[in-house]
C-alpha atoms as a PDB file:
ATOM      1  CA  MET A   1      -1.565  47.360 -10.820  1.00  0.00           C
ATOM      2  CA  LEU A   2      -1.005  44.908  -7.957  1.00  0.00           C
ATOM      3  CA  ASP A   3      -2.879  47.273  -5.674  1.00  0.00           C
ATOM      4  CA  LEU A   4      -5.881  47.116  -8.009  1.00  0.00           C
ATOM      5  CA  PHE A   5      -5.734  43.316  -8.026  1.00  0.00           C
ATOM      6  CA  PHE A   6      -5.751  43.127  -4.220  1.00  0.00           C
ATOM      7  CA  ARG A   7      -8.591  45.633  -3.925  1.00  0.00           C
ATOM      8  CA  LYS A   8     -10.663  43.791  -6.509  1.00  0.00           C
ATOM      9  CA  TYR A   9      -9.843  40.216  -5.454  1.00  0.00           C
ATOM     10  CA  ALA A  10      -9.312  40.476  -1.678  1.00  0.00           C
ATOM     11  CA  TRP A  11     -11.542  37.453  -1.236  1.00  0.00           C
ATOM     12  CA  THR A  12      -8.859  35.234  -2.809  1.00  0.00           C
ATOM     13  CA  ALA A  13      -6.494  35.914   0.097  1.00  0.00           C
ATOM     14  CA  THR A  14      -9.282  35.119   2.558  1.00  0.00           C
ATOM     15  CA  LEU A  15     -10.071  31.932   0.670  1.00  0.00           C
ATOM     16  CA  ALA A  16      -6.419  30.861   0.677  1.00  0.00           C
ATOM     17  CA  ILE A  17      -6.155  31.471   4.431  1.00  0.00           C
ATOM     18  CA  LEU A  18      -9.372  29.552   5.100  1.00  0.00           C
ATOM     19  CA  ALA A  19      -8.200  26.642   2.941  1.00  0.00           C
ATOM     20  CA  THR A  20      -4.867  26.517   4.781  1.00  0.00           C
ATOM     21  CA  VAL A  21      -6.539  26.580   8.190  1.00  0.00           C
ATOM     22  CA  ALA A  22      -8.999  23.860   7.122  1.00  0.00           C
ATOM     23  CA  TRP A  23      -6.125  21.688   5.869  1.00  0.00           C
ATOM     24  CA  ILE A  24      -4.180  22.086   9.131  1.00  0.00           C
ATOM     25  CA  LEU A  25      -7.311  21.358  11.174  1.00  0.00           C
ATOM     26  CA  ALA A  26      -8.081  18.238   9.107  1.00  0.00           C
ATOM     27  CA  ARG A  27      -4.532  16.949   9.561  1.00  0.00           C
ATOM     28  CA  THR A  28      -4.712  17.580  13.313  1.00  0.00           C
ATOM     29  CA  VAL A  29      -8.050  15.779  13.656  1.00  0.00           C
ATOM     30  CA  ASN A  30      -6.690  12.904  11.578  1.00  0.00           C
ATOM     31  CA  VAL A  31      -3.676  12.493  13.864  1.00  0.00           C
ATOM     32  CA  VAL A  32      -5.770  12.699  17.045  1.00  0.00           C
ATOM     33  CA  VAL A  33      -8.349  10.175  15.834  1.00  0.00           C
ATOM     34  CA  GLY A  34      -5.594   7.881  14.552  1.00  0.00           C
ATOM     35  CA  GLU A  35      -3.904   7.905  17.938  1.00  0.00           C
ATOM     36  CA  ALA A  36      -7.218   7.179  19.669  1.00  0.00           C
ATOM     37  CA  LEU A  37      -7.929   4.192  17.414  1.00  0.00           C
ATOM     38  CA  ARG A  38      -4.436   2.690  17.381  1.00  0.00           C
ATOM     39  CA  PRO A  39      -4.018  -0.140  19.891  1.00  0.00           C
ATOM     40  CA  ALA A  40      -1.497   0.391  22.637  1.00  0.00           C
ATOM     41  CA  PRO A  41       1.814  -1.433  22.162  1.00  0.00           C
ATOM     42  CA  GLU A  42       2.300  -4.413  24.445  1.00  0.00           C
ATOM     43  CA  ALA A  43       5.531  -6.107  25.419  1.00  0.00           C
ATOM     44  CA  ALA A  44       5.725  -9.865  25.927  1.00  0.00           C
ATOM     45  CA  LEU A  45       6.877 -10.291  29.497  1.00  0.00           C
ATOM     46  CA  ASP A  46       6.832 -14.093  29.700  1.00  0.00           C
ATOM     47  CA  GLY A  47      10.641 -14.180  29.858  1.00  0.00           C
ATOM     48  CA  GLY A  48      10.996 -17.407  27.895  1.00  0.00           C
ATOM     49  CA  PRO A  49      13.175 -17.817  24.858  1.00  0.00           C
ATOM     50  CA  VAL A  50      11.494 -16.978  21.620  1.00  0.00           C
ATOM     51  CA  ALA A  51      11.429 -19.832  19.133  1.00  0.00           C
ATOM     52  CA  PRO A  52      12.300 -18.767  15.602  1.00  0.00           C
ATOM     53  CA  ARG A  53       9.381 -18.900  13.234  1.00  0.00           C
ATOM     54  CA  GLU A  54       9.733 -21.140  10.244  1.00  0.00           C
ATOM     55  CA  ALA A  55       9.744 -19.378   6.944  1.00  0.00           C
ATOM     56  CA  ALA A  56       6.423 -19.730   5.188  1.00  0.00           C
ATOM     57  CA  VAL A  57       6.765 -21.322   1.788  1.00  0.00           C
ATOM     58  CA  ALA A  58       4.224 -20.146  -0.727  1.00  0.00           C
ATOM     59  CA  ALA A  59       2.600 -22.887  -2.747  1.00  0.00           C
ATOM     60  CA  LEU A  60       1.285 -21.857  -6.125  1.00  0.00           C
ATOM     61  CA  ASP A  61      -1.724 -23.668  -7.572  1.00  0.00           C
ATOM     62  CA  VAL A  62      -1.048 -23.244 -11.267  1.00  0.00           C
ATOM     63  CA  ASP A  63      -4.442 -24.539 -12.419  1.00  0.00           C
ATOM     64  CA  ARG A  64      -6.309 -22.011 -10.259  1.00  0.00           C
ATOM     65  CA  LEU A  65      -3.984 -19.253 -11.418  1.00  0.00           C
ATOM     66  CA  TYR A  66      -4.673 -19.922 -15.090  1.00  0.00           C
ATOM     67  CA  ARG A  67      -8.424 -20.051 -14.395  1.00  0.00           C
ATOM     68  CA  LEU A  68      -8.197 -16.766 -12.502  1.00  0.00           C
ATOM     69  CA  ILE A  69      -6.486 -14.866 -15.304  1.00  0.00           C
ATOM     70  CA  GLY A  70      -8.557 -16.566 -17.998  1.00  0.00           C
ATOM     71  CA  VAL A  71      -5.707 -18.098 -19.956  1.00  0.00           C
ATOM     72  CA  GLU A  72      -5.233 -21.679 -21.062  1.00  0.00           C
ATOM     73  CA  PRO A  73      -2.147 -23.343 -19.608  1.00  0.00           C
ATOM     74  CA  PRO A  74       0.598 -24.087 -22.125  1.00  0.00           C
ATOM     75  CA  ALA A  75       0.737 -27.573 -23.558  1.00  0.00           C
ATOM     76  CA  PRO A  76       3.390 -29.783 -22.013  1.00  0.00           C
ATOM     77  CA  ALA A  77       6.572 -29.780 -24.034  1.00  0.00           C
ATOM     78  CA  ALA A  78       6.955 -33.074 -25.859  1.00  0.00           C
ATOM     79  CA  ALA A  79      10.457 -34.369 -26.261  1.00  0.00           C
ATOM     80  CA  ALA A  80      11.394 -33.890 -29.908  1.00  0.00           C
ATOM     81  CA  PRO A  81      13.389 -36.704 -31.470  1.00  0.00           C
ATOM     82  CA  GLY A  82      17.054 -35.901 -31.523  1.00  0.00           C
ATOM     83  CA  ALA A  83      16.654 -33.103 -29.018  1.00  0.00           C
ATOM     84  CA  GLY A  84      18.724 -33.959 -26.036  1.00  0.00           C
ATOM     85  CA  PRO A  85      20.970 -32.230 -23.640  1.00  0.00           C
ATOM     86  CA  VAL A  86      23.704 -30.312 -25.323  1.00  0.00           C
ATOM     87  CA  GLY A  87      27.157 -31.078 -24.160  1.00  0.00           C
END
């Protein structure tokens, strides 16, 4: 039964081999082109001490954010009478 399948559908084995070879060739070309395009690493040879970079603090513009997502900002919470800090 398997012999009949391979005699009748021998082209499937050829197709699988061709697909595998094409995949390997595409991966190889991708690696070669990627290496050609990647800039060469460079070392800083100035010899001076490196100053630490300050951490960047993200500032969030709330008004622009609400406009971007299309939502109205919540109304400011009014202090309710008798509502104070618990404790």
